[in-house]
Amino acid sequence: MLRTILVLLILVPGIIRALWDRYTALLLYLWFAFFRPQDWMWIDVTGLRLSLFLGLLLLLPSLLTGILPNLSHPLSLGALLFLFTTLLAQTGALDPSVGWQWIDFLTRLIVVCLLTVSLANTPRRVIGVVAVVACSLGFYAAKAGLASLIAGGVQFGDGLAGAFIDSNGYALAVVMSMPLLFTAGENVDLLLGNQFQPWIGKLFRLGCFAAMPLCAFCVVSTFSRGGFLGLMAALLTYIALHRYRIPMLLVLAALAVGAYFFVPLPKGYAERLSTIQNYDEINEESAIARLHFWRVAVRMAEAQPLGVGLKNYDAAFDKYDFLQGRYGRARSVHSSHFEVLAELGYFGAAVWAGLFVYAFAAAFRIRRISRLPGLPADSSHFLLTTSTALLASMVGFLVGGSFIALMLNDLTWLTFSLVAALDRIARQMAAEANERAKQTRPAITPRPFQGFRPAVAAR
């Protein structure tokens, strides 16, 4: 009953405010999508179709009030181009009904992401989106990590509902959300402003920072090798790009040493990680099978350059499986990147790679803008920390997503939209900083002409 009351305390006032505030409607929709309160409550509310209702509450009033999905940023155009590649692949889909079902899902996802670019148009709004998404996922991850820690280390066989339904997807979601959770804590003053007592901001920051090791232990408890590699990649990227990298590295080393002596690892976890390097020597079946699934993906792309159709890899697997079912029938590709190659062909893979290349380039450009001399300190801090978090999150997905087919997960596409929104804000801040620099630059007054002076004769 208490859970239901807590959800209603968020949902009911949120819906009322969302009737006239489009940004609130966006936050409410994202909270519902990532926190998934219908799976947390004890009563069944799935029949109410609240997700559809909140989506319409966001989309229809936005269109009626002139707030349109962003179509000007290169990442927005890249997302639309990616959607176009799914339509091309549909012409050769083995199971068109599955393709159309997921094209409908991707269309709705991209529309929400493009609206995010339009609505997250201030630093506080960007941090608001980051905080809602990161805290929604971080709540479950920190709770699971704490439960595993108290139990002496356990293995989670299941994940969250939605895109991250199994343990590998669960680990990937936690890895991608951890940098966002940390930067939400770093920008709590920007997020809360002067509307709350200072102790609330301090408590929120402490909660974000304290949740980090618990989230990491949650990733360990999933026994996901891809999740572990993604976690290491995301953490090292965040520390390497952070302004206080040396202190953060020392803190991480201290936590690692303390965890080694005092935190019990789940039984069999060390042996599980050892198979990353020597899977071929011990004939680790799942790792060897993945290599085969990736070769099948390449074969599909060679046979159908436009792809076998969105989410049609499983249906097409038996047709292109050159080992004739040695590793089973209708298997998954177990890689987001090979999933794109097989299902959307070379064109789709090129657009997919282009999205990440441009997102990385934009994030590094934002970091350069954060160092402009005319930029206020709080603006510089916001741009630097947020771009660093988005870079680390994308690195975590690129590494961890190499071992699970999750190209259509909500968080990756929302990351693209956050990079686009941050890029637009950074460009505006750079223009304002340059204008201020021009206005404060001292004017050079030319000296009046006083005629030619006679040359001094050499002695």
Protein backbone atom coordinates (compact mmCIF):
# COMPACT_ATOMS: atom_id res chain seq x y z
CA MET A 1 0.00 0.00 0.00
CA LEU A 2 2.86 2.37 0.82
CA ARG A 3 4.38 1.89 -2.62
CA THR A 4 1.08 2.76 -4.27
CA ILE A 5 0.81 5.94 -2.18
CA LEU A 6 4.34 7.01 -3.11
CA VAL A 7 3.67 6.48 -6.82
CA LEU A 8 0.40 8.41 -6.62
CA LEU A 9 2.17 11.28 -4.84
CA ILE A 10 4.40 11.60 -7.90
CA LEU A 11 1.93 10.68 -10.62
CA VAL A 12 -1.12 12.75 -9.71
CA PRO A 13 0.58 16.13 -9.09
CA GLY A 14 2.83 15.42 -12.07
CA ILE A 15 -0.12 14.90 -14.41
CA ILE A 16 -1.82 18.06 -13.14
CA ARG A 17 1.29 20.17 -13.74
CA ALA A 18 2.00 18.46 -17.07
CA LEU A 19 -1.32 19.76 -18.40
CA TRP A 20 0.28 23.18 -18.93
CA ASP A 21 4.02 22.51 -18.60
CA ARG A 22 5.54 20.48 -21.43
CA TYR A 23 8.87 19.99 -19.65
CA THR A 24 7.10 18.45 -16.66
CA ALA A 25 5.29 16.13 -19.08
CA LEU A 26 8.66 15.05 -20.47
CA LEU A 27 10.10 14.34 -17.01
CA LEU A 28 6.99 12.42 -16.00
CA TYR A 29 7.10 10.30 -19.15
CA LEU A 30 10.81 9.53 -18.70
CA TRP A 31 10.30 8.68 -15.04
CA PHE A 32 7.51 6.27 -15.92
CA ALA A 33 9.57 4.73 -18.74
CA PHE A 34 12.72 4.11 -16.68
CA PHE A 35 11.40 3.63 -13.15
CA ARG A 36 8.46 1.53 -14.37
CA PRO A 37 6.28 1.99 -11.25
CA GLN A 38 3.75 -0.50 -12.61
CA ASP A 39 6.32 -3.25 -11.92
CA TRP A 40 7.20 -1.84 -8.50
CA MET A 41 3.67 -1.51 -7.14
CA TRP A 42 1.84 -4.44 -5.61
CA ILE A 43 -1.35 -3.75 -7.59
CA ASP A 44 -1.73 -4.30 -11.34
CA VAL A 45 -2.21 -1.05 -13.25
CA THR A 46 -1.04 -2.23 -16.67
CA GLY A 47 -4.60 -2.20 -17.97
CA LEU A 48 -4.73 1.58 -17.54
CA ARG A 49 -2.08 1.98 -20.28
CA LEU A 50 -0.48 4.86 -18.40
CA SER A 51 2.58 4.87 -20.65
CA LEU A 52 0.41 5.60 -23.69
CA PHE A 53 -1.52 8.25 -21.77
CA LEU A 54 1.66 10.01 -20.61
CA GLY A 55 3.08 9.83 -24.11
CA LEU A 56 0.01 11.52 -25.55
CA LEU A 57 0.08 14.04 -22.70
CA LEU A 58 3.59 14.96 -23.82
CA LEU A 59 3.17 14.85 -27.60
CA LEU A 60 -0.23 16.34 -28.40
CA PRO A 61 -0.05 19.54 -26.28
CA SER A 62 3.53 20.07 -27.48
CA LEU A 63 2.43 20.02 -31.10
CA LEU A 64 -0.60 22.23 -30.37
CA THR A 65 1.55 24.83 -28.61
CA GLY A 66 4.20 24.92 -31.32
CA ILE A 67 6.86 22.85 -29.52
CA LEU A 68 8.03 20.56 -32.30
CA PRO A 69 10.59 17.73 -32.31
CA ASN A 70 14.03 19.10 -33.16
CA LEU A 71 14.94 18.56 -36.82
CA SER A 72 17.98 20.82 -37.09
CA HIS A 73 20.75 19.19 -35.08
CA PRO A 74 22.91 16.64 -36.94
CA LEU A 75 22.18 13.98 -34.31
CA SER A 76 18.45 14.54 -34.81
CA LEU A 77 18.86 14.13 -38.56
CA GLY A 78 21.01 11.06 -37.95
CA ALA A 79 18.26 9.48 -35.85
CA LEU A 80 15.75 10.08 -38.65
CA LEU A 81 18.19 8.63 -41.17
CA PHE A 82 18.56 5.56 -38.97
CA LEU A 83 14.78 5.19 -38.96
CA PHE A 84 14.88 5.40 -42.76
CA THR A 85 17.35 2.49 -42.89
CA THR A 86 14.84 0.34 -41.00
CA LEU A 87 12.27 1.03 -43.72
CA LEU A 88 14.78 0.01 -46.39
CA ALA A 89 15.56 -3.20 -44.52
CA GLN A 90 11.87 -3.93 -44.24
CA THR A 91 11.76 -4.59 -47.99
CA GLY A 92 13.74 -7.81 -47.43
CA ALA A 93 12.48 -8.75 -43.98
CA LEU A 94 11.87 -12.44 -43.41
CA ASP A 95 9.11 -11.65 -40.89
CA PRO A 96 7.67 -8.23 -41.83
CA SER A 97 5.20 -8.20 -38.92
CA VAL A 98 8.05 -8.25 -36.39
CA GLY A 99 9.83 -5.51 -38.32
CA TRP A 100 6.80 -3.22 -38.37
CA GLN A 101 6.22 -3.77 -34.66
CA TRP A 102 9.73 -2.60 -33.80
CA ILE A 103 9.68 0.22 -36.37
CA ASP A 104 6.63 1.54 -34.53
CA PHE A 105 8.56 1.32 -31.25
CA LEU A 106 11.62 3.06 -32.72
CA THR A 107 9.47 5.83 -34.24
CA ARG A 108 7.89 6.64 -30.90
CA LEU A 109 11.28 6.51 -29.19
CA ILE A 110 12.86 8.90 -31.68
CA VAL A 111 9.94 11.34 -31.46
CA VAL A 112 10.37 11.53 -27.67
CA CYS A 113 14.13 11.96 -28.06
CA LEU A 114 13.71 14.78 -30.59
CA LEU A 115 11.22 16.47 -28.26
CA THR A 116 13.84 16.14 -25.51
CA VAL A 117 16.27 18.13 -27.66
CA SER A 118 13.67 20.89 -28.00
CA LEU A 119 12.50 20.94 -24.38
CA ALA A 120 15.84 20.49 -22.58
CA ASN A 121 16.96 23.93 -23.69
CA THR A 122 18.55 25.23 -20.48
CA PRO A 123 21.30 23.84 -18.22
CA ARG A 124 18.84 23.18 -15.41
CA ARG A 125 16.48 21.31 -17.73
CA VAL A 126 19.30 19.10 -19.05
CA ILE A 127 20.36 18.22 -15.50
CA GLY A 128 16.71 17.58 -14.67
CA VAL A 129 16.44 14.97 -17.42
CA VAL A 130 19.77 13.44 -16.39
CA ALA A 131 18.69 13.25 -12.73
CA VAL A 132 15.29 11.69 -13.45
CA VAL A 133 16.74 8.99 -15.70
CA ALA A 134 19.79 8.24 -13.55
CA CYS A 135 17.90 8.18 -10.24
CA SER A 136 15.13 6.00 -11.70
CA LEU A 137 17.65 3.33 -12.70
CA GLY A 138 20.03 4.02 -9.82
CA PHE A 139 17.30 3.38 -7.25
CA TYR A 140 16.90 -0.24 -8.37
CA ALA A 141 20.64 -0.76 -8.88
CA ALA A 142 21.67 0.62 -5.48
CA LYS A 143 18.91 -1.37 -3.76
CA ALA A 144 20.01 -4.56 -5.51
CA GLY A 145 23.68 -3.91 -4.73
CA LEU A 146 22.88 -3.33 -1.06
CA ALA A 147 20.77 -6.50 -0.91
CA SER A 148 23.59 -8.53 -2.47
CA LEU A 149 26.12 -6.99 -0.09
CA ILE A 150 24.04 -7.81 2.98
CA ALA A 151 23.47 -11.37 1.75
CA GLY A 152 27.20 -11.90 1.32
CA GLY A 153 27.18 -11.79 -2.47
CA VAL A 154 24.43 -13.30 -4.62
CA GLN A 155 23.82 -13.76 -8.33
CA PHE A 156 20.95 -11.98 -10.07
CA GLY A 157 19.48 -14.07 -12.85
CA ASP A 158 16.86 -11.55 -13.91
CA GLY A 159 16.99 -7.88 -14.79
CA LEU A 160 14.59 -4.98 -15.03
CA ALA A 161 11.49 -5.08 -17.17
CA GLY A 162 11.45 -3.42 -20.56
CA ALA A 163 14.62 -3.25 -22.65
CA PHE A 164 16.87 -4.45 -19.81
CA ILE A 165 14.97 -7.60 -18.96
CA ASP A 166 17.83 -10.09 -18.48
CA SER A 167 20.94 -9.90 -16.30
CA ASN A 168 23.22 -8.74 -19.14
CA GLY A 169 20.83 -5.93 -20.06
CA TYR A 170 20.44 -5.04 -16.40
CA ALA A 171 24.21 -4.71 -16.03
CA LEU A 172 24.45 -2.57 -19.15
CA ALA A 173 21.69 -0.22 -17.96
CA VAL A 174 23.44 0.26 -14.62
CA VAL A 175 26.79 0.90 -16.31
CA MET A 176 25.31 3.55 -18.60
CA SER A 177 23.41 5.29 -15.79
CA MET A 178 26.28 5.47 -13.27
CA PRO A 179 28.12 8.43 -14.89
CA LEU A 180 24.79 10.26 -15.22
CA LEU A 181 24.03 9.62 -11.55
CA PHE A 182 27.40 11.02 -10.49
CA THR A 183 27.06 14.17 -12.59
CA ALA A 184 23.56 14.73 -11.21
CA GLY A 185 25.15 14.85 -7.76
CA GLU A 186 27.87 17.19 -8.99
CA ASN A 187 25.28 19.64 -10.36
CA VAL A 188 22.78 19.49 -7.53
CA ASP A 189 22.99 23.25 -6.92
CA LEU A 190 21.99 23.88 -10.52
CA LEU A 191 19.23 21.29 -10.28
CA LEU A 192 17.58 22.47 -7.06
CA GLY A 193 18.50 26.16 -7.19
CA ASN A 194 17.22 28.22 -4.25
CA GLN A 195 13.86 26.51 -4.03
CA PHE A 196 14.94 23.99 -1.37
CA GLN A 197 16.86 24.09 1.89
CA PRO A 198 20.65 23.57 1.52
CA TRP A 199 20.54 20.34 3.50
CA ILE A 200 18.28 18.78 0.86
CA GLY A 201 20.90 19.43 -1.82
CA LYS A 202 23.64 17.99 0.38
CA LEU A 203 21.54 14.90 1.09
CA PHE A 204 20.81 14.41 -2.62
CA ARG A 205 24.50 14.76 -3.52
CA LEU A 206 25.49 12.32 -0.79
CA GLY A 207 22.89 9.84 -1.99
CA CYS A 208 24.15 9.99 -5.57
CA PHE A 209 27.76 9.49 -4.54
CA ALA A 210 26.97 6.75 -2.01
CA ALA A 211 24.94 4.86 -4.61
CA MET A 212 27.94 4.51 -6.94
CA PRO A 213 29.72 1.59 -5.17
CA LEU A 214 26.37 -0.13 -4.61
CA CYS A 215 25.57 0.17 -8.33
CA ALA A 216 29.00 -1.27 -9.15
CA PHE A 217 28.34 -4.22 -6.84
CA CYS A 218 24.99 -4.70 -8.57
CA VAL A 219 26.85 -5.06 -11.88
CA VAL A 220 29.14 -7.64 -10.24
CA SER A 221 26.12 -9.56 -8.93
CA THR A 222 24.68 -9.96 -12.43
CA PHE A 223 27.71 -12.13 -13.38
CA SER A 224 27.72 -10.32 -16.73
CA ARG A 225 31.17 -10.33 -18.30
CA GLY A 226 30.11 -7.69 -20.83
CA GLY A 227 28.74 -5.62 -17.96
CA PHE A 228 32.06 -5.87 -16.12
CA LEU A 229 34.03 -4.77 -19.19
CA GLY A 230 31.59 -1.92 -19.78
CA LEU A 231 31.86 -0.89 -16.12
CA MET A 232 35.66 -0.73 -16.28
CA ALA A 233 35.56 1.20 -19.56
CA ALA A 234 33.00 3.72 -18.30
CA LEU A 235 34.76 4.28 -14.96
CA LEU A 236 38.21 4.73 -16.48
CA THR A 237 36.82 7.06 -19.15
CA TYR A 238 35.03 9.20 -16.58
CA ILE A 239 38.08 9.43 -14.34
CA ALA A 240 40.47 10.13 -17.23
CA LEU A 241 38.32 13.03 -18.47
CA HIS A 242 37.38 14.46 -15.09
CA ARG A 243 38.92 17.66 -13.80
CA TYR A 244 39.93 15.96 -10.53
CA ARG A 245 41.16 12.73 -12.06
CA ILE A 246 44.01 12.12 -9.58
CA PRO A 247 41.86 12.37 -6.42
CA MET A 248 39.12 10.29 -8.07
CA LEU A 249 41.66 7.64 -9.08
CA LEU A 250 42.97 7.50 -5.52
CA VAL A 251 39.44 7.16 -4.15
CA LEU A 252 38.69 4.39 -6.65
CA ALA A 253 41.90 2.58 -5.70
CA ALA A 254 41.04 2.87 -2.00
CA LEU A 255 37.55 1.51 -2.61
CA ALA A 256 38.94 -1.35 -4.69
CA VAL A 257 41.42 -2.32 -1.96
CA GLY A 258 38.74 -2.09 0.71
CA ALA A 259 36.33 -4.15 -1.39
CA TYR A 260 39.00 -6.81 -1.98
CA PHE A 261 39.49 -7.38 1.77
CA PHE A 262 36.04 -6.71 3.20
CA VAL A 263 33.39 -7.17 0.48
CA PRO A 264 32.44 -10.78 -0.32
CA LEU A 265 32.34 -11.53 -4.02
CA PRO A 266 29.50 -13.75 -5.23
CA LYS A 267 30.62 -17.36 -5.34
CA GLY A 268 32.10 -18.27 -8.71
CA TYR A 269 32.44 -14.68 -9.94
CA ALA A 270 36.23 -14.74 -10.20
CA GLU A 271 36.08 -17.95 -12.22
CA ARG A 272 33.43 -16.35 -14.44
CA LEU A 273 35.70 -13.39 -15.23
CA SER A 274 38.67 -15.64 -15.93
CA THR A 275 36.84 -17.03 -18.96
CA ILE A 276 37.15 -13.63 -20.68
CA GLN A 277 40.77 -14.39 -21.60
CA ASN A 278 40.90 -18.18 -21.82
CA TYR A 279 37.46 -19.12 -23.13
CA ASP A 280 39.04 -20.94 -26.09
CA GLU A 281 41.29 -23.03 -23.82
CA ILE A 282 38.48 -24.20 -21.54
CA ASN A 283 35.95 -24.49 -24.38
CA GLU A 284 33.63 -21.92 -22.85
CA GLU A 285 30.57 -22.61 -24.96
CA SER A 286 28.72 -19.30 -24.66
CA ALA A 287 31.76 -17.18 -25.60
CA ILE A 288 32.63 -19.37 -28.61
CA ALA A 289 28.98 -19.34 -29.68
CA ARG A 290 28.98 -15.54 -29.70
CA LEU A 291 31.82 -15.51 -32.22
CA HIS A 292 29.77 -17.79 -34.43
CA PHE A 293 26.66 -15.58 -34.12
CA TRP A 294 28.73 -12.57 -35.21
CA ARG A 295 30.03 -14.44 -38.26
CA VAL A 296 26.45 -15.31 -39.15
CA ALA A 297 25.61 -11.58 -38.89
CA VAL A 298 28.36 -10.77 -41.38
CA ARG A 299 27.06 -13.46 -43.70
CA MET A 300 23.56 -11.95 -43.54
CA ALA A 301 24.93 -8.53 -44.50
CA GLU A 302 26.85 -10.02 -47.40
CA ALA A 303 23.73 -11.79 -48.67
CA GLN A 304 21.37 -8.86 -48.04
CA PRO A 305 23.28 -5.52 -48.06
CA LEU A 306 20.18 -3.63 -46.91
CA GLY A 307 19.70 -6.01 -43.98
CA VAL A 308 17.37 -8.84 -43.10
CA GLY A 309 14.90 -6.54 -41.34
CA LEU A 310 14.65 -4.91 -37.93
CA LYS A 311 14.65 -7.54 -35.16
CA ASN A 312 14.67 -10.27 -37.80
CA TYR A 313 18.07 -11.77 -36.98
CA ASP A 314 16.52 -14.55 -34.88
CA ALA A 315 14.07 -15.45 -37.65
CA ALA A 316 16.80 -15.45 -40.30
CA PHE A 317 19.42 -17.26 -38.21
CA ASP A 318 18.61 -20.80 -39.33
CA LYS A 319 18.78 -19.76 -42.99
CA TYR A 320 22.32 -18.36 -42.65
CA ASP A 321 23.67 -20.68 -39.95
CA PHE A 322 26.54 -22.49 -41.70
CA LEU A 323 27.01 -24.87 -38.72
CA GLN A 324 23.49 -26.23 -39.15
CA GLY A 325 22.20 -25.73 -35.62
CA ARG A 326 25.30 -26.61 -33.62
CA TYR A 327 24.56 -23.76 -31.20
CA GLY A 328 20.80 -24.01 -31.40
CA ARG A 329 18.04 -22.62 -33.59
CA ALA A 330 16.72 -19.07 -34.00
CA ARG A 331 19.50 -17.67 -31.84
CA SER A 332 20.17 -14.04 -30.94
CA VAL A 333 23.17 -12.15 -32.34
CA HIS A 334 24.39 -11.16 -28.83
CA SER A 335 25.87 -7.85 -30.01
CA SER A 336 24.25 -4.48 -30.60
CA HIS A 337 26.74 -3.56 -33.31
CA PHE A 338 26.50 -6.81 -35.26
CA GLU A 339 22.74 -6.62 -34.75
CA VAL A 340 22.71 -3.35 -36.69
CA LEU A 341 24.93 -4.80 -39.42
CA ALA A 342 22.80 -7.90 -39.91
CA GLU A 343 19.36 -6.33 -39.61
CA LEU A 344 19.96 -2.95 -41.29
CA GLY A 345 22.85 -3.78 -43.60
CA TYR A 346 25.88 -1.69 -44.47
CA PHE A 347 23.91 1.54 -44.76
CA GLY A 348 22.39 1.12 -41.31
CA ALA A 349 25.77 0.21 -39.81
CA ALA A 350 27.31 3.34 -41.36
CA VAL A 351 24.57 5.56 -39.88
CA TRP A 352 24.94 3.81 -36.50
CA ALA A 353 28.69 4.43 -36.48
CA GLY A 354 28.17 8.00 -37.70
CA LEU A 355 25.83 8.75 -34.78
CA PHE A 356 28.46 7.72 -32.26
CA VAL A 357 31.31 9.48 -34.10
CA TYR A 358 29.39 12.76 -34.21
CA ALA A 359 28.18 12.39 -30.61
CA PHE A 360 31.77 11.91 -29.43
CA ALA A 361 32.98 14.85 -31.53
CA ALA A 362 30.19 17.07 -30.16
CA ALA A 363 30.94 16.05 -26.57
CA PHE A 364 34.63 16.87 -26.95
CA ARG A 365 33.69 20.19 -28.58
CA ILE A 366 31.54 20.95 -25.54
CA ARG A 367 34.51 20.22 -23.30
CA ARG A 368 36.59 22.75 -25.25
CA ILE A 369 33.84 25.35 -24.94
CA SER A 370 33.78 24.80 -21.17
CA ARG A 371 37.34 26.18 -21.02
CA LEU A 372 36.55 29.51 -22.69
CA PRO A 373 37.91 32.33 -20.51
CA GLY A 374 34.73 34.41 -20.69
CA LEU A 375 32.46 31.60 -19.46
CA PRO A 376 31.05 31.82 -15.89
CA ALA A 377 32.39 29.20 -13.48
CA ASP A 378 29.02 27.49 -12.96
CA SER A 379 28.42 27.24 -16.72
CA SER A 380 31.91 25.83 -17.24
CA HIS A 381 31.35 23.25 -14.50
CA PHE A 382 28.00 22.23 -15.97
CA LEU A 383 29.34 21.76 -19.52
CA LEU A 384 32.46 19.90 -18.42
CA THR A 385 30.83 17.46 -16.00
CA THR A 386 27.78 16.71 -18.14
CA SER A 387 29.76 16.13 -21.35
CA THR A 388 32.16 13.88 -19.41
CA ALA A 389 29.26 11.82 -18.07
CA LEU A 390 27.72 11.42 -21.52
CA LEU A 391 31.08 10.36 -22.98
CA ALA A 392 31.57 7.76 -20.25
CA SER A 393 28.02 6.46 -20.69
CA MET A 394 28.52 6.03 -24.44
CA VAL A 395 31.84 4.25 -23.92
CA GLY A 396 30.14 1.92 -21.44
CA PHE A 397 27.51 1.06 -24.03
CA LEU A 398 29.98 0.61 -26.89
CA VAL A 399 31.95 -1.90 -24.81
CA GLY A 400 29.16 -3.61 -22.89
CA GLY A 401 26.75 -3.48 -25.83
CA SER A 402 29.19 -5.49 -27.89
CA PHE A 403 27.94 -8.60 -26.06
CA ILE A 404 24.17 -8.08 -26.02
CA ALA A 405 21.67 -7.14 -28.73
CA LEU A 406 20.29 -3.84 -27.43
CA MET A 407 20.53 -1.34 -30.25
CA LEU A 408 16.98 -0.13 -29.49
CA ASN A 409 17.41 0.47 -25.77
CA ASP A 410 15.90 3.75 -24.61
CA LEU A 411 18.97 5.01 -22.77
CA THR A 412 21.34 5.01 -25.76
CA TRP A 413 18.96 7.04 -27.91
CA LEU A 414 18.20 9.41 -25.06
CA THR A 415 21.96 9.89 -24.68
CA PHE A 416 22.13 11.08 -28.30
CA SER A 417 19.36 13.60 -27.59
CA LEU A 418 21.11 14.84 -24.43
CA VAL A 419 24.34 15.36 -26.38
CA ALA A 420 22.39 17.32 -29.00
CA ALA A 421 20.64 19.44 -26.35
CA LEU A 422 23.93 20.09 -24.55
CA ASP A 423 25.62 20.97 -27.84
CA ARG A 424 23.00 23.62 -28.62
CA ILE A 425 23.33 25.13 -25.14
CA ALA A 426 27.14 25.11 -25.34
CA ARG A 427 27.12 26.91 -28.68
CA GLN A 428 24.84 29.58 -27.26
CA MET A 429 27.05 29.96 -24.18
CA ALA A 430 30.14 30.24 -26.41
CA ALA A 431 28.53 33.00 -28.46
CA GLU A 432 27.56 34.91 -25.32
CA ALA A 433 31.05 34.48 -23.85
CA ASN A 434 32.67 35.78 -27.03
CA GLU A 435 30.31 38.74 -27.08
CA ARG A 436 31.16 39.60 -23.48
CA ALA A 437 34.85 39.30 -24.29
CA LYS A 438 34.45 41.79 -27.15
CA GLN A 439 32.61 44.27 -24.94
CA THR A 440 35.15 44.12 -22.11
CA ARG A 441 38.20 44.27 -24.35
CA PRO A 442 39.88 47.70 -23.90
CA ALA A 443 39.66 49.91 -26.95
CA ILE A 444 42.95 50.90 -28.60
CA THR A 445 43.06 54.69 -29.11
CA PRO A 446 45.25 55.66 -32.07
CA ARG A 447 47.92 58.25 -31.40
CA PRO A 448 47.72 61.54 -33.35
CA PHE A 449 50.23 61.97 -36.15
CA GLN A 450 53.15 64.13 -35.00
CA GLY A 451 55.20 64.23 -38.19
CA PHE A 452 58.40 62.46 -39.08
CA ARG A 453 61.31 62.53 -36.69
CA PRO A 454 64.78 63.16 -38.14
CA ALA A 455 66.98 60.14 -38.23
CA VAL A 456 69.77 60.03 -35.63
CA ALA A 457 73.17 60.13 -37.31
CA ALA A 458 75.38 57.25 -36.53
CA ARG A 459 78.48 58.11 -34.59
